Amino acid sequence: MAKKQTVSKEAAHLQGARTQVLSELENLRSAMLNEVDTEPDEGDAEIFEREKTAALIAVLERRMQDIEHALRAIEKGQYGICERCGNPVEPERLEVKPDAILCLNCQREVEAINKRNRGRAPIRW
């Protein structure tokens, strides 16, 4: 498959993922707004659910940032190029994670650095 076709396929996949994440975020935010605030001693289960929902929203917001970043890279003609080393991101990696901005080697290095620096702010490329 030609690179242009691959990029078009991944762009469509990313747009679909973007739509899905937006829908999930809207549903979770709506659910949070509709929940009744409780005092900590009134029911730990409700507080746990609210914290779980808030954590899921944070994960989805990060996913949305990754998707939008990849879509901007497509627009700039830089999709599939590692932002750290400038080498191509492996096609297999992009097939599994279309919003990948690092090649597998750089991703491993960044994860190792972040693991060593736990407790400090994570490195983002």
PDB file of N, CA and C in Angstrom:
ATOM      1  N   MET A   1       0.849  -1.176   0.000  1.00  0.00           N
ATOM      2  CA  MET A   1       0.000   0.000   0.000  1.00  0.00           C
ATOM      3  C   MET A   1       0.897   1.243   0.000  1.00  0.00           C
ATOM      4  N   ALA A   2       0.584   2.170  -0.840  1.00  0.00           N
ATOM      5  CA  ALA A   2       1.387   3.389  -0.937  1.00  0.00           C
ATOM      6  C   ALA A   2       1.257   4.201   0.337  1.00  0.00           C
ATOM      7  N   LYS A   3       2.287   5.014   0.609  1.00  0.00           N
ATOM      8  CA  LYS A   3       2.312   5.819   1.835  1.00  0.00           C
ATOM      9  C   LYS A   3       1.106   6.756   1.900  1.00  0.00           C
ATOM     10  N   LYS A   4       0.727   7.363   0.791  1.00  0.00           N
ATOM     11  CA  LYS A   4      -0.405   8.294   0.773  1.00  0.00           C
ATOM     12  C   LYS A   4      -1.697   7.580   1.170  1.00  0.00           C
ATOM     13  N   GLN A   5      -1.881   6.360   0.673  1.00  0.00           N
ATOM     14  CA  GLN A   5      -3.068   5.575   1.037  1.00  0.00           C
ATOM     15  C   GLN A   5      -3.038   5.210   2.518  1.00  0.00           C
ATOM     16  N   THR A   6      -1.862   4.869   3.021  1.00  0.00           N
ATOM     17  CA  THR A   6      -1.722   4.516   4.430  1.00  0.00           C
ATOM     18  C   THR A   6      -2.064   5.714   5.308  1.00  0.00           C
ATOM     19  N   VAL A   7      -1.543   6.880   4.949  1.00  0.00           N
ATOM     20  CA  VAL A   7      -1.817   8.093   5.728  1.00  0.00           C
ATOM     21  C   VAL A   7      -3.306   8.414   5.687  1.00  0.00           C
ATOM     22  N   SER A   8      -3.934   8.272   4.517  1.00  0.00           N
ATOM     23  CA  SER A   8      -5.383   8.517   4.407  1.00  0.00           C
ATOM     24  C   SER A   8      -6.160   7.549   5.286  1.00  0.00           C
ATOM     25  N   LYS A   9      -5.744   6.306   5.290  1.00  0.00           N
ATOM     26  CA  LYS A   9      -6.403   5.287   6.125  1.00  0.00           C
ATOM     27  C   LYS A   9      -6.255   5.637   7.600  1.00  0.00           C
ATOM     28  N   GLU A  10      -5.052   6.019   8.008  1.00  0.00           N
ATOM     29  CA  GLU A  10      -4.818   6.361   9.412  1.00  0.00           C
ATOM     30  C   GLU A  10      -5.563   7.639   9.786  1.00  0.00           C
ATOM     31  N   ALA A  11      -5.646   8.604   8.872  1.00  0.00           N
ATOM     32  CA  ALA A  11      -6.397   9.833   9.144  1.00  0.00           C
ATOM     33  C   ALA A  11      -7.865   9.505   9.403  1.00  0.00           C
ATOM     34  N   ALA A  12      -8.423   8.631   8.599  1.00  0.00           N
ATOM     35  CA  ALA A  12      -9.821   8.225   8.792  1.00  0.00           C
ATOM     36  C   ALA A  12      -9.986   7.508  10.127  1.00  0.00           C
ATOM     37  N   HIS A  13      -9.033   6.653  10.447  1.00  0.00           N
ATOM     38  CA  HIS A  13      -9.078   5.928  11.724  1.00  0.00           C
ATOM     39  C   HIS A  13      -8.996   6.913  12.900  1.00  0.00           C
ATOM     40  N   LEU A  14      -8.107   7.885  12.793  1.00  0.00           N
ATOM     41  CA  LEU A  14      -7.950   8.887  13.851  1.00  0.00           C
ATOM     42  C   LEU A  14      -9.210   9.746  13.991  1.00  0.00           C
ATOM     43  N   GLN A  15      -9.824  10.107  12.871  1.00  0.00           N
ATOM     44  CA  GLN A  15     -11.060  10.894  12.933  1.00  0.00           C
ATOM     45  C   GLN A  15     -12.167  10.094  13.630  1.00  0.00           C
ATOM     46  N   GLY A  16     -12.247   8.803  13.323  1.00  0.00           N
ATOM     47  CA  GLY A  16     -13.225   7.949  13.995  1.00  0.00           C
ATOM     48  C   GLY A  16     -12.961   7.849  15.487  1.00  0.00           C
ATOM     49  N   ALA A  17     -11.694   7.686  15.843  1.00  0.00           N
ATOM     50  CA  ALA A  17     -11.325   7.614  17.255  1.00  0.00           C
ATOM     51  C   ALA A  17     -11.628   8.934  17.951  1.00  0.00           C
ATOM     52  N   ARG A  18     -11.384  10.045  17.259  1.00  0.00           N
ATOM     53  CA  ARG A  18     -11.657  11.372  17.818  1.00  0.00           C
ATOM     54  C   ARG A  18     -13.150  11.519  18.118  1.00  0.00           C
ATOM     55  N   THR A  19     -13.987  11.108  17.183  1.00  0.00           N
ATOM     56  CA  THR A  19     -15.432  11.183  17.369  1.00  0.00           C
ATOM     57  C   THR A  19     -15.866  10.334  18.560  1.00  0.00           C
ATOM     58  N   GLN A  20     -15.317   9.143  18.670  1.00  0.00           N
ATOM     59  CA  GLN A  20     -15.666   8.242  19.771  1.00  0.00           C
ATOM     60  C   GLN A  20     -15.237   8.826  21.112  1.00  0.00           C
ATOM     61  N   VAL A  21     -14.022   9.345  21.191  1.00  0.00           N
ATOM     62  CA  VAL A  21     -13.522   9.908  22.446  1.00  0.00           C
ATOM     63  C   VAL A  21     -14.340  11.132  22.839  1.00  0.00           C
ATOM     64  N   LEU A  22     -14.667  11.985  21.869  1.00  0.00           N
ATOM     65  CA  LEU A  22     -15.496  13.154  22.162  1.00  0.00           C
ATOM     66  C   LEU A  22     -16.846  12.745  22.738  1.00  0.00           C
ATOM     67  N   SER A  23     -17.433  11.713  22.168  1.00  0.00           N
ATOM     68  CA  SER A  23     -18.728  11.217  22.651  1.00  0.00           C
ATOM     69  C   SER A  23     -18.607  10.687  24.080  1.00  0.00           C
ATOM     70  N   GLU A  24     -17.564   9.912  24.328  1.00  0.00           N
ATOM     71  CA  GLU A  24     -17.352   9.369  25.672  1.00  0.00           C
ATOM     72  C   GLU A  24     -17.116  10.483  26.685  1.00  0.00           C
ATOM     73  N   LEU A  25     -16.327  11.482  26.300  1.00  0.00           N
ATOM     74  CA  LEU A  25     -16.075  12.610  27.198  1.00  0.00           C
ATOM     75  C   LEU A  25     -17.369  13.364  27.507  1.00  0.00           C
ATOM     76  N   GLU A  26     -18.173  13.586  26.488  1.00  0.00           N
ATOM     77  CA  GLU A  26     -19.439  14.291  26.689  1.00  0.00           C
ATOM     78  C   GLU A  26     -20.333  13.527  27.653  1.00  0.00           C
ATOM     79  N   ASN A  27     -20.416  12.208  27.487  1.00  0.00           N
ATOM     80  CA  ASN A  27     -21.245  11.384  28.373  1.00  0.00           C
ATOM     81  C   ASN A  27     -20.731  11.410  29.810  1.00  0.00           C
ATOM     82  N   LEU A  28     -19.427  11.282  29.981  1.00  0.00           N
ATOM     83  CA  LEU A  28     -18.858  11.267  31.332  1.00  0.00           C
ATOM     84  C   LEU A  28     -18.999  12.625  32.010  1.00  0.00           C
ATOM     85  N   ARG A  29     -18.751  13.689  31.262  1.00  0.00           N
ATOM     86  CA  ARG A  29     -18.903  15.023  31.847  1.00  0.00           C
ATOM     87  C   ARG A  29     -20.351  15.289  32.230  1.00  0.00           C
ATOM     88  N   SER A  30     -21.270  14.862  31.405  1.00  0.00           N
ATOM     89  CA  SER A  30     -22.690  15.021  31.695  1.00  0.00           C
ATOM     90  C   SER A  30     -23.065  14.241  32.961  1.00  0.00           C
ATOM     91  N   ALA A  31     -22.549  13.028  33.065  1.00  0.00           N
ATOM     92  CA  ALA A  31     -22.818  12.209  34.245  1.00  0.00           C
ATOM     93  C   ALA A  31     -22.271  12.877  35.502  1.00  0.00           C
ATOM     94  N   MET A  32     -21.079  13.460  35.393  1.00  0.00           N
ATOM     95  CA  MET A  32     -20.489  14.143  36.551  1.00  0.00           C
ATOM     96  C   MET A  32     -21.345  15.343  36.965  1.00  0.00           C
ATOM     97  N   LEU A  33     -21.851  16.090  35.998  1.00  0.00           N
ATOM     98  CA  LEU A  33     -22.678  17.262  36.305  1.00  0.00           C
ATOM     99  C   LEU A  33     -24.003  16.873  36.952  1.00  0.00           C
ATOM    100  N   ASN A  34     -24.518  15.714  36.575  1.00  0.00           N
ATOM    101  CA  ASN A  34     -25.805  15.271  37.089  1.00  0.00           C
ATOM    102  C   ASN A  34     -25.723  14.583  38.447  1.00  0.00           C
ATOM    103  N   GLU A  35     -24.502  14.248  38.868  1.00  0.00           N
ATOM    104  CA  GLU A  35     -24.340  13.609  40.172  1.00  0.00           C
ATOM    105  C   GLU A  35     -24.551  14.634  41.279  1.00  0.00           C
ATOM    106  N   VAL A  36     -25.084  14.155  42.360  1.00  0.00           N
ATOM    107  CA  VAL A  36     -25.304  15.007  43.518  1.00  0.00           C
ATOM    108  C   VAL A  36     -24.029  14.999  44.346  1.00  0.00           C
ATOM    109  N   ASP A  37     -23.582  16.190  44.748  1.00  0.00           N
ATOM    110  CA  ASP A  37     -22.408  16.256  45.623  1.00  0.00           C
ATOM    111  C   ASP A  37     -22.752  15.629  46.964  1.00  0.00           C
ATOM    112  N   THR A  38     -21.843  14.813  47.463  1.00  0.00           N
ATOM    113  CA  THR A  38     -22.052  14.174  48.761  1.00  0.00           C
ATOM    114  C   THR A  38     -20.917  14.556  49.692  1.00  0.00           C
ATOM    115  N   GLU A  39     -21.210  14.542  50.935  1.00  0.00           N
ATOM    116  CA  GLU A  39     -20.175  14.763  51.948  1.00  0.00           C
ATOM    117  C   GLU A  39     -19.412  13.452  52.107  1.00  0.00           C
ATOM    118  N   PRO A  40     -18.129  13.520  52.451  1.00  0.00           N
ATOM    119  CA  PRO A  40     -17.325  12.301  52.554  1.00  0.00           C
ATOM    120  C   PRO A  40     -17.929  11.224  53.444  1.00  0.00           C
ATOM    121  N   ASP A  41     -18.619  11.600  54.500  1.00  0.00           N
ATOM    122  CA  ASP A  41     -19.158  10.586  55.394  1.00  0.00           C
ATOM    123  C   ASP A  41     -20.509  10.051  54.930  1.00  0.00           C
ATOM    124  N   GLU A  42     -21.091  10.641  53.895  1.00  0.00           N
ATOM    125  CA  GLU A  42     -22.400  10.192  53.427  1.00  0.00           C
ATOM    126  C   GLU A  42     -22.348   8.908  52.612  1.00  0.00           C
ATOM    127  N   GLY A  43     -21.284   8.662  51.945  1.00  0.00           N
ATOM    128  CA  GLY A  43     -21.222   7.438  51.142  1.00  0.00           C
ATOM    129  C   GLY A  43     -19.943   7.362  50.348  1.00  0.00           C
ATOM    130  N   ASP A  44     -19.053   6.525  50.796  1.00  0.00           N
ATOM    131  CA  ASP A  44     -17.768   6.406  50.131  1.00  0.00           C
ATOM    132  C   ASP A  44     -17.900   5.851  48.715  1.00  0.00           C
ATOM    133  N   ALA A  45     -18.907   5.030  48.454  1.00  0.00           N
ATOM    134  CA  ALA A  45     -19.074   4.444  47.126  1.00  0.00           C
ATOM    135  C   ALA A  45     -19.306   5.527  46.080  1.00  0.00           C
ATOM    136  N   GLU A  46     -20.107   6.526  46.397  1.00  0.00           N
ATOM    137  CA  GLU A  46     -20.370   7.606  45.453  1.00  0.00           C
ATOM    138  C   GLU A  46     -19.109   8.420  45.176  1.00  0.00           C
ATOM    139  N   ILE A  47     -18.349   8.666  46.217  1.00  0.00           N
ATOM    140  CA  ILE A  47     -17.109   9.436  46.056  1.00  0.00           C
ATOM    141  C   ILE A  47     -16.112   8.645  45.206  1.00  0.00           C
ATOM    142  N   PHE A  48     -16.025   7.346  45.453  1.00  0.00           N
ATOM    143  CA  PHE A  48     -15.132   6.498  44.668  1.00  0.00           C
ATOM    144  C   PHE A  48     -15.524   6.524  43.197  1.00  0.00           C
ATOM    145  N   GLU A  49     -16.810   6.396  42.915  1.00  0.00           N
ATOM    146  CA  GLU A  49     -17.286   6.426  41.530  1.00  0.00           C
ATOM    147  C   GLU A  49     -16.978   7.762  40.870  1.00  0.00           C
ATOM    148  N   ARG A  50     -17.156   8.849  41.607  1.00  0.00           N
ATOM    149  CA  ARG A  50     -16.887  10.183  41.067  1.00  0.00           C
ATOM    150  C   ARG A  50     -15.393  10.340  40.755  1.00  0.00           C
ATOM    151  N   GLU A  51     -14.535   9.863  41.647  1.00  0.00           N
ATOM    152  CA  GLU A  51     -13.094   9.928  41.417  1.00  0.00           C
ATOM    153  C   GLU A  51     -12.694   9.051  40.235  1.00  0.00           C
ATOM    154  N   LYS A  52     -13.316   7.905  40.117  1.00  0.00           N
ATOM    155  CA  LYS A  52     -13.039   7.006  39.000  1.00  0.00           C
ATOM    156  C   LYS A  52     -13.449   7.670  37.681  1.00  0.00           C
ATOM    157  N   THR A  53     -14.597   8.316  37.674  1.00  0.00           N
ATOM    158  CA  THR A  53     -15.061   9.015  36.479  1.00  0.00           C
ATOM    159  C   THR A  53     -14.117  10.161  36.126  1.00  0.00           C
ATOM    160  N   ALA A  54     -13.680  10.911  37.136  1.00  0.00           N
ATOM    161  CA  ALA A  54     -12.749  12.019  36.902  1.00  0.00           C
ATOM    162  C   ALA A  54     -11.430  11.505  36.322  1.00  0.00           C
ATOM    163  N   ALA A  55     -10.950  10.369  36.819  1.00  0.00           N
ATOM    164  CA  ALA A  55      -9.703   9.792  36.309  1.00  0.00           C
ATOM    165  C   ALA A  55      -9.883   9.342  34.856  1.00  0.00           C
ATOM    166  N   LEU A  56     -11.024   8.759  34.543  1.00  0.00           N
ATOM    167  CA  LEU A  56     -11.298   8.324  33.173  1.00  0.00           C
ATOM    168  C   LEU A  56     -11.378   9.523  32.237  1.00  0.00           C
ATOM    169  N   ILE A  57     -11.973  10.611  32.697  1.00  0.00           N
ATOM    170  CA  ILE A  57     -12.025  11.831  31.890  1.00  0.00           C
ATOM    171  C   ILE A  57     -10.603  12.319  31.596  1.00  0.00           C
ATOM    172  N   ALA A  58      -9.733  12.294  32.591  1.00  0.00           N
ATOM    173  CA  ALA A  58      -8.348  12.732  32.391  1.00  0.00           C
ATOM    174  C   ALA A  58      -7.640  11.862  31.353  1.00  0.00           C
ATOM    175  N   VAL A  59      -7.859  10.553  31.413  1.00  0.00           N
ATOM    176  CA  VAL A  59      -7.245   9.631  30.447  1.00  0.00           C
ATOM    177  C   VAL A  59      -7.768   9.928  29.042  1.00  0.00           C
ATOM    178  N   LEU A  60      -9.068  10.134  28.916  1.00  0.00           N
ATOM    179  CA  LEU A  60      -9.652  10.413  27.606  1.00  0.00           C
ATOM    180  C   LEU A  60      -9.205  11.765  27.067  1.00  0.00           C
ATOM    181  N   GLU A  61      -9.042  12.750  27.936  1.00  0.00           N
ATOM    182  CA  GLU A  61      -8.540  14.051  27.494  1.00  0.00           C
ATOM    183  C   GLU A  61      -7.121  13.924  26.949  1.00  0.00           C
ATOM    184  N   ARG A  62      -6.294  13.123  27.594  1.00  0.00           N
ATOM    185  CA  ARG A  62      -4.928  12.886  27.114  1.00  0.00           C
ATOM    186  C   ARG A  62      -4.962  12.163  25.773  1.00  0.00           C
ATOM    187  N   ARG A  63      -5.858  11.195  25.656  1.00  0.00           N
ATOM    188  CA  ARG A  63      -6.015  10.467  24.383  1.00  0.00           C
ATOM    189  C   ARG A  63      -6.430  11.433  23.274  1.00  0.00           C
ATOM    190  N   MET A  64      -7.336  12.357  23.601  1.00  0.00           N
ATOM    191  CA  MET A  64      -7.791  13.335  22.620  1.00  0.00           C
ATOM    192  C   MET A  64      -6.623  14.219  22.178  1.00  0.00           C
ATOM    193  N   GLN A  65      -5.784  14.630  23.115  1.00  0.00           N
ATOM    194  CA  GLN A  65      -4.610  15.437  22.762  1.00  0.00           C
ATOM    195  C   GLN A  65      -3.696  14.670  21.803  1.00  0.00           C
ATOM    196  N   ASP A  66      -3.495  13.384  22.078  1.00  0.00           N
ATOM    197  CA  ASP A  66      -2.643  12.559  21.221  1.00  0.00           C
ATOM    198  C   ASP A  66      -3.227  12.439  19.815  1.00  0.00           C
ATOM    199  N   ILE A  67      -4.534  12.229  19.735  1.00  0.00           N
ATOM    200  CA  ILE A  67      -5.205  12.103  18.441  1.00  0.00           C
ATOM    201  C   ILE A  67      -5.080  13.412  17.660  1.00  0.00           C
ATOM    202  N   GLU A  68      -5.365  14.518  18.309  1.00  0.00           N
ATOM    203  CA  GLU A  68      -5.308  15.816  17.629  1.00  0.00           C
ATOM    204  C   GLU A  68      -3.878  16.142  17.202  1.00  0.00           C
ATOM    205  N   HIS A  69      -2.917  15.751  18.004  1.00  0.00           N
ATOM    206  CA  HIS A  69      -1.512  15.960  17.649  1.00  0.00           C
ATOM    207  C   HIS A  69      -1.183  15.179  16.373  1.00  0.00           C
ATOM    208  N   ALA A  70      -1.633  13.939  16.303  1.00  0.00           N
ATOM    209  CA  ALA A  70      -1.379  13.113  15.115  1.00  0.00           C
ATOM    210  C   ALA A  70      -2.084  13.698  13.892  1.00  0.00           C
ATOM    211  N   LEU A  71      -3.295  14.188  14.062  1.00  0.00           N
ATOM    212  CA  LEU A  71      -4.012  14.800  12.933  1.00  0.00           C
ATOM    213  C   LEU A  71      -3.286  16.052  12.427  1.00  0.00           C
ATOM    214  N   ARG A  72      -2.739  16.837  13.344  1.00  0.00           N
ATOM    215  CA  ARG A  72      -1.955  18.018  12.925  1.00  0.00           C
ATOM    216  C   ARG A  72      -0.692  17.581  12.174  1.00  0.00           C
ATOM    217  N   ALA A  73      -0.071  16.491  12.618  1.00  0.00           N
ATOM    218  CA  ALA A  73       1.122  15.979  11.934  1.00  0.00           C
ATOM    219  C   ALA A  73       0.763  15.545  10.511  1.00  0.00           C
ATOM    220  N   ILE A  74      -0.405  14.963  10.332  1.00  0.00           N
ATOM    221  CA  ILE A  74      -0.852  14.577   8.991  1.00  0.00           C
ATOM    222  C   ILE A  74      -1.000  15.824   8.127  1.00  0.00           C
ATOM    223  N   GLU A  75      -1.641  16.859   8.667  1.00  0.00           N
ATOM    224  CA  GLU A  75      -1.828  18.104   7.918  1.00  0.00           C
ATOM    225  C   GLU A  75      -0.498  18.724   7.509  1.00  0.00           C
ATOM    226  N   LYS A  76       0.511  18.615   8.360  1.00  0.00           N
ATOM    227  CA  LYS A  76       1.831  19.212   8.093  1.00  0.00           C
ATOM    228  C   LYS A  76       2.704  18.310   7.220  1.00  0.00           C
ATOM    229  N   GLY A  77       2.234  17.090   6.959  1.00  0.00           N
ATOM    230  CA  GLY A  77       3.033  16.155   6.177  1.00  0.00           C
ATOM    231  C   GLY A  77       4.132  15.501   6.986  1.00  0.00           C
ATOM    232  N   GLN A  78       3.998  15.501   8.309  1.00  0.00           N
ATOM    233  CA  GLN A  78       5.025  14.942   9.183  1.00  0.00           C
ATOM    234  C   GLN A  78       4.567  13.667   9.890  1.00  0.00           C
ATOM    235  N   TYR A  79       3.445  13.138   9.476  1.00  0.00           N
ATOM    236  CA  TYR A  79       2.913  11.934  10.120  1.00  0.00           C
ATOM    237  C   TYR A  79       3.843  10.757   9.867  1.00  0.00           C
ATOM    238  N   GLY A  80       4.076   9.997  10.922  1.00  0.00           N
ATOM    239  CA  GLY A  80       4.909   8.805  10.803  1.00  0.00           C
ATOM    240  C   GLY A  80       6.390   9.077  10.944  1.00  0.00           C
ATOM    241  N   ILE A  81       6.734  10.293  11.354  1.00  0.00           N
ATOM    242  CA  ILE A  81       8.135  10.650  11.583  1.00  0.00           C
ATOM    243  C   ILE A  81       8.311  10.883  13.083  1.00  0.00           C
ATOM    244  N   CYS A  82       9.266  10.197  13.675  1.00  0.00           N
ATOM    245  CA  CYS A  82       9.509  10.312  15.111  1.00  0.00           C
ATOM    246  C   CYS A  82       9.882  11.747  15.464  1.00  0.00           C
ATOM    247  N   GLU A  83       9.197  12.294  16.441  1.00  0.00           N
ATOM    248  CA  GLU A  83       9.456  13.669  16.851  1.00  0.00           C
ATOM    249  C   GLU A  83      10.713  13.811  17.685  1.00  0.00           C
ATOM    250  N   ARG A  84      11.282  12.710  18.078  1.00  0.00           N
ATOM    251  CA  ARG A  84      12.488  12.761  18.907  1.00  0.00           C
ATOM    252  C   ARG A  84      13.746  12.579  18.074  1.00  0.00           C
ATOM    253  N   CYS A  85      13.753  11.577  17.197  1.00  0.00           N
ATOM    254  CA  CYS A  85      14.981  11.283  16.446  1.00  0.00           C
ATOM    255  C   CYS A  85      14.868  11.591  14.953  1.00  0.00           C
ATOM    256  N   GLY A  86      13.645  11.783  14.464  1.00  0.00           N
ATOM    257  CA  GLY A  86      13.453  12.105  13.051  1.00  0.00           C
ATOM    258  C   GLY A  86      13.397  10.905  12.129  1.00  0.00           C
ATOM    259  N   ASN A  87      13.547   9.705  12.674  1.00  0.00           N
ATOM    260  CA  ASN A  87      13.443   8.493  11.865  1.00  0.00           C
ATOM    261  C   ASN A  87      11.977   8.127  11.674  1.00  0.00           C
ATOM    262  N   PRO A  88      11.691   7.282  10.687  1.00  0.00           N
ATOM    263  CA  PRO A  88      10.300   6.865  10.494  1.00  0.00           C
ATOM    264  C   PRO A  88       9.800   6.039  11.687  1.00  0.00           C
ATOM    265  N   VAL A  89       8.534   6.274  12.036  1.00  0.00           N
ATOM    266  CA  VAL A  89       7.876   5.429  13.042  1.00  0.00           C
ATOM    267  C   VAL A  89       7.486   4.145  12.314  1.00  0.00           C
ATOM    268  N   GLU A  90       7.718   3.023  12.956  1.00  0.00           N
ATOM    269  CA  GLU A  90       7.457   1.733  12.339  1.00  0.00           C
ATOM    270  C   GLU A  90       5.998   1.639  11.887  1.00  0.00           C
ATOM    271  N   PRO A  91       5.754   1.191  10.640  1.00  0.00           N
ATOM    272  CA  PRO A  91       4.376   1.070  10.149  1.00  0.00           C
ATOM    273  C   PRO A  91       3.511   0.170  11.034  1.00  0.00           C
ATOM    274  N   GLU A  92       4.115  -0.885  11.575  1.00  0.00           N
ATOM    275  CA  GLU A  92       3.367  -1.783  12.463  1.00  0.00           C
ATOM    276  C   GLU A  92       2.919  -1.034  13.719  1.00  0.00           C
ATOM    277  N   ARG A  93       3.769  -0.157  14.215  1.00  0.00           N
ATOM    278  CA  ARG A  93       3.437   0.634  15.403  1.00  0.00           C
ATOM    279  C   ARG A  93       2.281   1.583  15.092  1.00  0.00           C
ATOM    280  N   LEU A  94       2.347   2.238  13.936  1.00  0.00           N
ATOM    281  CA  LEU A  94       1.273   3.159  13.557  1.00  0.00           C
ATOM    282  C   LEU A  94      -0.044   2.423  13.329  1.00  0.00           C
ATOM    283  N   GLU A  95       0.049   1.189  12.859  1.00  0.00           N
ATOM    284  CA  GLU A  95      -1.173   0.410  12.647  1.00  0.00           C
ATOM    285  C   GLU A  95      -1.859   0.116  13.980  1.00  0.00           C
ATOM    286  N   VAL A  96      -1.058  -0.163  14.996  1.00  0.00           N
ATOM    287  CA  VAL A  96      -1.588  -0.467  16.325  1.00  0.00           C
ATOM    288  C   VAL A  96      -1.939   0.810  17.084  1.00  0.00           C
ATOM    289  N   LYS A  97      -1.094   1.825  16.954  1.00  0.00           N
ATOM    290  CA  LYS A  97      -1.273   3.088  17.672  1.00  0.00           C
ATOM    291  C   LYS A  97      -1.098   4.237  16.679  1.00  0.00           C
ATOM    292  N   PRO A  98      -2.168   4.561  15.939  1.00  0.00           N
ATOM    293  CA  PRO A  98      -2.062   5.573  14.886  1.00  0.00           C
ATOM    294  C   PRO A  98      -1.638   6.953  15.384  1.00  0.00           C
ATOM    295  N   ASP A  99      -1.798   7.218  16.674  1.00  0.00           N
ATOM    296  CA  ASP A  99      -1.414   8.526  17.211  1.00  0.00           C
ATOM    297  C   ASP A  99       0.006   8.538  17.780  1.00  0.00           C
ATOM    298  N   ALA A 100       0.791   7.500  17.483  1.00  0.00           N
ATOM    299  CA  ALA A 100       2.168   7.435  17.972  1.00  0.00           C
ATOM    300  C   ALA A 100       2.997   8.557  17.354  1.00  0.00           C
ATOM    301  N   ILE A 101       3.771   9.243  18.195  1.00  0.00           N
ATOM    302  CA  ILE A 101       4.633  10.323  17.711  1.00  0.00           C
ATOM    303  C   ILE A 101       6.106   9.962  17.857  1.00  0.00           C
ATOM    304  N   LEU A 102       6.380   8.831  18.492  1.00  0.00           N
ATOM    305  CA  LEU A 102       7.751   8.370  18.684  1.00  0.00           C
ATOM    306  C   LEU A 102       7.908   6.988  18.075  1.00  0.00           C
ATOM    307  N   CYS A 103       9.104   6.723  17.541  1.00  0.00           N
ATOM    308  CA  CYS A 103       9.400   5.367  17.099  1.00  0.00           C
ATOM    309  C   CYS A 103       9.507   4.485  18.348  1.00  0.00           C
ATOM    310  N   LEU A 104       9.487   3.212  18.143  1.00  0.00           N
ATOM    311  CA  LEU A 104       9.497   2.284  19.271  1.00  0.00           C
ATOM    312  C   LEU A 104      10.754   2.448  20.130  1.00  0.00           C
ATOM    313  N   ASN A 105      11.883   2.655  19.495  1.00  0.00           N
ATOM    314  CA  ASN A 105      13.131   2.819  20.226  1.00  0.00           C
ATOM    315  C   ASN A 105      13.068   4.045  21.141  1.00  0.00           C
ATOM    316  N   CYS A 106      12.639   5.180  20.594  1.00  0.00           N
ATOM    317  CA  CYS A 106      12.548   6.410  21.394  1.00  0.00           C
ATOM    318  C   CYS A 106      11.488   6.271  22.483  1.00  0.00           C
ATOM    319  N   GLN A 107      10.382   5.599  22.178  1.00  0.00           N
ATOM    320  CA  GLN A 107       9.340   5.400  23.179  1.00  0.00           C
ATOM    321  C   GLN A 107       9.892   4.615  24.366  1.00  0.00           C
ATOM    322  N   ARG A 108      10.663   3.572  24.085  1.00  0.00           N
ATOM    323  CA  ARG A 108      11.271   2.782  25.159  1.00  0.00           C
ATOM    324  C   ARG A 108      12.227   3.635  25.999  1.00  0.00           C
ATOM    325  N   GLU A 109      13.020   4.458  25.320  1.00  0.00           N
ATOM    326  CA  GLU A 109      13.969   5.322  26.040  1.00  0.00           C
ATOM    327  C   GLU A 109      13.237   6.321  26.926  1.00  0.00           C
ATOM    328  N   VAL A 110      12.190   6.945  26.408  1.00  0.00           N
ATOM    329  CA  VAL A 110      11.421   7.916  27.186  1.00  0.00           C
ATOM    330  C   VAL A 110      10.762   7.235  28.384  1.00  0.00           C
ATOM    331  N   GLU A 111      10.202   6.041  28.173  1.00  0.00           N
ATOM    332  CA  GLU A 111       9.586   5.311  29.280  1.00  0.00           C
ATOM    333  C   GLU A 111      10.622   4.949  30.340  1.00  0.00           C
ATOM    334  N   ALA A 112      11.819   4.560  29.921  1.00  0.00           N
ATOM    335  CA  ALA A 112      12.879   4.228  30.882  1.00  0.00           C
ATOM    336  C   ALA A 112      13.287   5.467  31.679  1.00  0.00           C
ATOM    337  N   ILE A 113      13.400   6.608  31.004  1.00  0.00           N
ATOM    338  CA  ILE A 113      13.739   7.861  31.699  1.00  0.00           C
ATOM    339  C   ILE A 113      12.641   8.220  32.687  1.00  0.00           C
ATOM    340  N   ASN A 114      11.382   8.119  32.254  1.00  0.00           N
ATOM    341  CA  ASN A 114      10.259   8.435  33.142  1.00  0.00           C
ATOM    342  C   ASN A 114      10.211   7.497  34.340  1.00  0.00           C
ATOM    343  N   LYS A 115      10.549   6.229  34.113  1.00  0.00           N
ATOM    344  CA  LYS A 115      10.559   5.261  35.212  1.00  0.00           C
ATOM    345  C   LYS A 115      11.629   5.616  36.241  1.00  0.00           C
ATOM    346  N   ARG A 116      12.799   6.026  35.750  1.00  0.00           N
ATOM    347  CA  ARG A 116      13.878   6.424  36.661  1.00  0.00           C
ATOM    348  C   ARG A 116      13.523   7.696  37.423  1.00  0.00           C
ATOM    349  N   ASN A 117      12.748   8.556  36.793  1.00  0.00           N
ATOM    350  CA  ASN A 117      12.421   9.858  37.383  1.00  0.00           C
ATOM    351  C   ASN A 117      11.052   9.875  38.053  1.00  0.00           C
ATOM    352  N   ARG A 118      10.540   8.729  38.444  1.00  0.00           N
ATOM    353  CA  ARG A 118       9.223   8.705  39.101  1.00  0.00           C
ATOM    354  C   ARG A 118       9.225   9.678  40.262  1.00  0.00           C
ATOM    355  N   GLY A 119       8.135  10.365  40.412  1.00  0.00           N
ATOM    356  CA  GLY A 119       8.041  11.361  41.455  1.00  0.00           C
ATOM    357  C   GLY A 119       8.291  12.754  40.911  1.00  0.00           C
ATOM    358  N   ARG A 120       8.982  12.815  39.787  1.00  0.00           N
ATOM    359  CA  ARG A 120       9.193  14.086  39.098  1.00  0.00           C
ATOM    360  C   ARG A 120       8.198  14.152  37.941  1.00  0.00           C
ATOM    361  N   ALA A 121       8.094  15.295  37.321  1.00  0.00           N
ATOM    362  CA  ALA A 121       7.194  15.450  36.180  1.00  0.00           C
ATOM    363  C   ALA A 121       7.689  14.553  35.030  1.00  0.00           C
ATOM    364  N   PRO A 122       6.767  13.836  34.343  1.00  0.00           N
ATOM    365  CA  PRO A 122       7.183  12.968  33.237  1.00  0.00           C
ATOM    366  C   PRO A 122       7.667  13.798  32.057  1.00  0.00           C
ATOM    367  N   ILE A 123       8.566  13.183  31.290  1.00  0.00           N
ATOM    368  CA  ILE A 123       9.085  13.834  30.087  1.00  0.00           C
ATOM    369  C   ILE A 123       8.098  13.571  28.954  1.00  0.00           C
ATOM    370  N   ARG A 124       7.721  14.622  28.241  1.00  0.00           N
ATOM    371  CA  ARG A 124       6.850  14.495  27.083  1.00  0.00           C
ATOM    372  C   ARG A 124       7.603  15.037  25.879  1.00  0.00           C
ATOM    373  N   TRP A 125       7.535  14.320  24.789  1.00  0.00           N
ATOM    374  CA  TRP A 125       8.226  14.770  23.574  1.00  0.00           C
ATOM    375  C   TRP A 125       7.246  15.285  22.595  1.00  0.00           C
TER     376      TRP A 125
END
